[in-house]
N, C-alpha and C. Protein backbone atom coordinates (compact mmCIF):
# COMPACT_ATOMS: atom_id res chain seq x y z
N MET A 1 34.71 -34.98 -3.10
CA MET A 1 33.58 -33.93 -3.11
C MET A 1 33.51 -33.69 -4.67
N LYS A 2 32.10 -33.38 -5.09
CA LYS A 2 31.90 -32.93 -6.32
C LYS A 2 31.75 -31.45 -6.28
N LYS A 3 32.30 -30.72 -7.15
CA LYS A 3 32.31 -29.45 -7.35
C LYS A 3 30.82 -28.94 -7.76
N THR A 4 30.01 -28.15 -7.34
CA THR A 4 28.66 -27.75 -8.13
C THR A 4 28.79 -26.34 -8.28
N ASN A 5 27.87 -25.97 -9.13
CA ASN A 5 27.89 -24.67 -9.73
C ASN A 5 26.71 -24.07 -9.07
N ASN A 6 26.60 -23.07 -8.15
CA ASN A 6 25.40 -22.67 -7.59
C ASN A 6 24.55 -21.56 -8.09
N LYS A 7 24.94 -21.27 -9.49
CA LYS A 7 24.33 -20.28 -10.41
C LYS A 7 23.00 -20.36 -10.47
N GLY A 8 22.36 -21.48 -10.51
CA GLY A 8 20.99 -21.89 -10.59
C GLY A 8 20.21 -21.24 -9.42
N GLY A 9 20.84 -21.54 -8.29
CA GLY A 9 20.27 -21.06 -6.89
C GLY A 9 20.22 -19.67 -6.87
N GLU A 10 21.35 -19.07 -7.56
CA GLU A 10 21.48 -17.69 -7.17
C GLU A 10 20.27 -17.20 -7.94
N ASP A 11 20.24 -17.75 -9.17
CA ASP A 11 19.01 -17.12 -9.96
C ASP A 11 17.77 -17.34 -9.34
N LYS A 12 17.53 -18.26 -8.89
CA LYS A 12 16.18 -18.51 -8.22
C LYS A 12 15.95 -17.47 -6.95
N ILE A 13 17.20 -17.44 -6.32
CA ILE A 13 16.85 -16.18 -5.31
C ILE A 13 16.29 -14.81 -5.86
N GLU A 14 17.10 -14.60 -6.95
CA GLU A 14 17.01 -13.20 -7.85
C GLU A 14 15.71 -13.11 -8.23
N GLU A 15 15.22 -14.28 -8.45
CA GLU A 15 13.88 -14.37 -9.21
C GLU A 15 12.68 -14.14 -8.11
N GLU A 16 13.11 -14.88 -7.17
CA GLU A 16 11.96 -14.72 -5.87
C GLU A 16 12.03 -13.29 -5.36
N LYS A 17 13.29 -12.50 -5.17
CA LYS A 17 13.15 -11.25 -4.58
C LYS A 17 12.59 -10.32 -5.81
N ARG A 18 12.62 -10.54 -7.08
CA ARG A 18 11.88 -9.67 -8.03
C ARG A 18 10.33 -9.86 -8.03
N GLU A 19 9.89 -11.27 -7.87
CA GLU A 19 8.61 -11.49 -7.79
C GLU A 19 8.10 -10.78 -6.23
N GLU A 20 8.77 -10.85 -5.11
CA GLU A 20 8.39 -10.35 -3.86
C GLU A 20 8.16 -8.81 -3.99
N SER A 21 9.26 -8.12 -4.80
CA SER A 21 9.28 -6.84 -4.98
C SER A 21 7.95 -6.33 -6.03
N GLU A 22 7.71 -7.13 -6.84
CA GLU A 22 6.60 -6.79 -7.68
C GLU A 22 5.26 -6.94 -6.75
N ILE A 23 5.15 -8.02 -6.19
CA ILE A 23 4.21 -8.10 -4.96
C ILE A 23 4.08 -6.60 -4.29
N GLN A 24 5.24 -6.49 -3.58
CA GLN A 24 4.87 -5.16 -2.63
C GLN A 24 4.61 -3.97 -3.68
N TYR A 25 5.12 -3.93 -4.86
CA TYR A 25 4.45 -2.60 -5.69
C TYR A 25 3.00 -2.69 -5.92
N ILE A 26 2.53 -3.99 -6.18
CA ILE A 26 1.21 -4.06 -6.64
C ILE A 26 0.41 -3.70 -5.18
N TRP A 27 0.85 -4.19 -4.15
CA TRP A 27 0.44 -3.89 -2.63
C TRP A 27 0.23 -2.42 -2.44
N LYS A 28 1.15 -1.56 -2.74
CA LYS A 28 1.39 -0.33 -2.73
C LYS A 28 0.55 0.45 -3.43
N GLU A 29 0.35 0.33 -4.61
CA GLU A 29 -0.54 0.66 -5.83
C GLU A 29 -1.86 0.52 -5.15
N ASP A 30 -2.38 -0.83 -4.73
CA ASP A 30 -3.85 -0.77 -4.13
C ASP A 30 -4.00 -0.15 -3.12
N LYS A 31 -2.71 0.41 -1.97
CA LYS A 31 -3.09 1.03 -0.87
C LYS A 31 -3.38 2.49 -1.70
N ILE A 32 -2.50 2.87 -2.39
CA ILE A 32 -2.68 4.26 -2.90
C ILE A 32 -3.99 4.45 -3.64
N GLN A 33 -4.43 3.71 -4.29
CA GLN A 33 -5.77 3.70 -4.82
C GLN A 33 -6.95 3.69 -3.92
N GLU A 34 -6.72 3.15 -2.88
CA GLU A 34 -7.83 2.78 -1.76
C GLU A 34 -7.89 4.10 -0.93
N PHE A 35 -6.52 4.66 -0.56
CA PHE A 35 -6.47 6.13 0.07
C PHE A 35 -7.27 7.10 -0.81
N GLN A 36 -6.82 7.05 -2.07
CA GLN A 36 -7.44 8.01 -2.98
C GLN A 36 -9.14 8.01 -3.08
N GLY A 37 -9.23 6.81 -3.03
CA GLY A 37 -10.81 6.54 -3.06
C GLY A 37 -11.58 7.14 -2.05
N ASN A 38 -10.98 6.80 -0.54
CA ASN A 38 -11.33 7.48 0.73
C ASN A 38 -11.23 8.85 0.46
N LEU A 39 -10.24 9.17 0.17
CA LEU A 39 -10.04 10.90 0.36
C LEU A 39 -11.17 11.53 -0.83
N ILE A 40 -11.48 10.92 -1.92
CA ILE A 40 -12.75 11.41 -2.68
C ILE A 40 -14.00 11.22 -2.32
N GLN A 41 -14.22 9.93 -1.49
CA GLN A 41 -15.30 10.02 -0.71
C GLN A 41 -15.75 10.88 0.28
N LEU A 42 -14.54 11.43 1.30
CA LEU A 42 -14.66 12.30 1.84
C LEU A 42 -14.96 13.45 1.46
N TRP A 43 -14.22 13.65 0.18
CA TRP A 43 -14.46 15.15 -0.16
C TRP A 43 -15.96 15.31 -0.77
N LYS A 44 -16.52 14.31 -1.23
CA LYS A 44 -17.94 14.37 -1.75
C LYS A 44 -18.91 14.62 -0.49
N MET A 45 -18.56 14.19 0.80
CA MET A 45 -19.35 14.40 1.83
C MET A 45 -19.60 15.85 1.83
N GLU A 46 -20.96 15.90 2.64
CA GLU A 46 -21.56 17.31 2.80
C GLU A 46 -20.35 18.01 4.06
N TRP A 47 -19.61 18.67 3.68
CA TRP A 47 -18.70 19.62 4.62
C TRP A 47 -19.48 20.39 5.74
N SER A 48 -20.63 21.01 4.97
CA SER A 48 -21.20 21.92 5.73
C SER A 48 -21.56 21.43 7.13
N ALA A 49 -22.11 20.16 6.89
CA ALA A 49 -22.47 19.26 8.07
C ALA A 49 -21.37 18.76 9.12
N LEU A 50 -20.30 18.99 8.69
CA LEU A 50 -19.36 18.73 9.85
C LEU A 50 -18.68 19.79 10.29
N LYS A 51 -18.42 19.87 11.52
CA LYS A 51 -17.75 20.91 12.45
C LYS A 51 -16.36 20.73 12.02
N PRO A 52 -15.54 21.62 12.25
CA PRO A 52 -14.00 21.86 11.73
C PRO A 52 -13.44 20.60 12.70
N GLY A 53 -13.67 20.24 13.69
CA GLY A 53 -12.89 19.23 14.51
C GLY A 53 -13.24 17.93 14.07
N GLU A 54 -14.41 17.78 13.40
CA GLU A 54 -14.94 16.44 12.75
C GLU A 54 -14.26 16.19 11.54
N LYS A 55 -13.91 17.26 10.62
CA LYS A 55 -13.42 17.27 9.48
C LYS A 55 -11.77 16.69 9.75
N MET A 56 -11.11 17.11 10.63
CA MET A 56 -9.86 16.94 10.90
C MET A 56 -10.02 15.37 11.28
N GLY A 57 -10.93 15.04 12.44
CA GLY A 57 -11.02 13.76 12.84
C GLY A 57 -10.99 12.64 11.73
N LYS A 58 -12.12 13.02 10.75
CA LYS A 58 -12.14 12.21 9.46
C LYS A 58 -11.05 12.05 8.66
N LEU A 59 -10.31 13.09 8.48
CA LEU A 59 -9.16 12.83 7.77
C LEU A 59 -8.20 11.97 8.16
N ASN A 60 -7.89 12.26 9.56
CA ASN A 60 -6.94 11.42 10.38
C ASN A 60 -7.51 10.07 10.47
N GLU A 61 -8.80 9.70 10.44
CA GLU A 61 -9.28 8.39 10.52
C GLU A 61 -8.77 7.65 9.07
N ILE A 62 -9.12 8.21 8.04
CA ILE A 62 -8.52 7.93 6.69
C ILE A 62 -7.21 7.68 6.66
N ILE A 63 -6.30 8.63 7.00
CA ILE A 63 -4.86 8.38 6.94
C ILE A 63 -4.43 7.00 7.78
N THR A 64 -5.02 7.15 9.15
CA THR A 64 -4.57 5.94 9.59
C THR A 64 -4.84 4.80 9.21
N ALA A 65 -6.19 4.65 8.52
CA ALA A 65 -6.82 3.20 8.30
C ALA A 65 -5.65 2.99 7.08
N ALA A 66 -5.30 3.87 6.18
CA ALA A 66 -4.60 3.79 4.93
C ALA A 66 -3.16 3.00 5.40
N GLY A 67 -2.51 3.53 6.55
CA GLY A 67 -1.47 3.11 7.14
C GLY A 67 -1.24 1.82 7.91
N THR A 68 -2.61 1.24 8.20
CA THR A 68 -2.27 0.19 8.99
C THR A 68 -3.03 -1.24 8.25
N LYS A 69 -3.53 -0.87 7.09
CA LYS A 69 -4.08 -2.01 6.31
C LYS A 69 -3.08 -2.83 5.64
């Protein structure tokens, strides 16, 4: 049997893990920006037109949407 050096395979796995981590970071950054945009949009709405329960409902809707996308 020929002895092989698996260092190249380990490097490839580490590189794939690093790329996956970068993708997850970018995805999280996108989600944060989307969430902030939704909050700003909500903030700009006419709050006087919404009843207190509607305000919480709208906030919960945005938070839920941010967590599920």
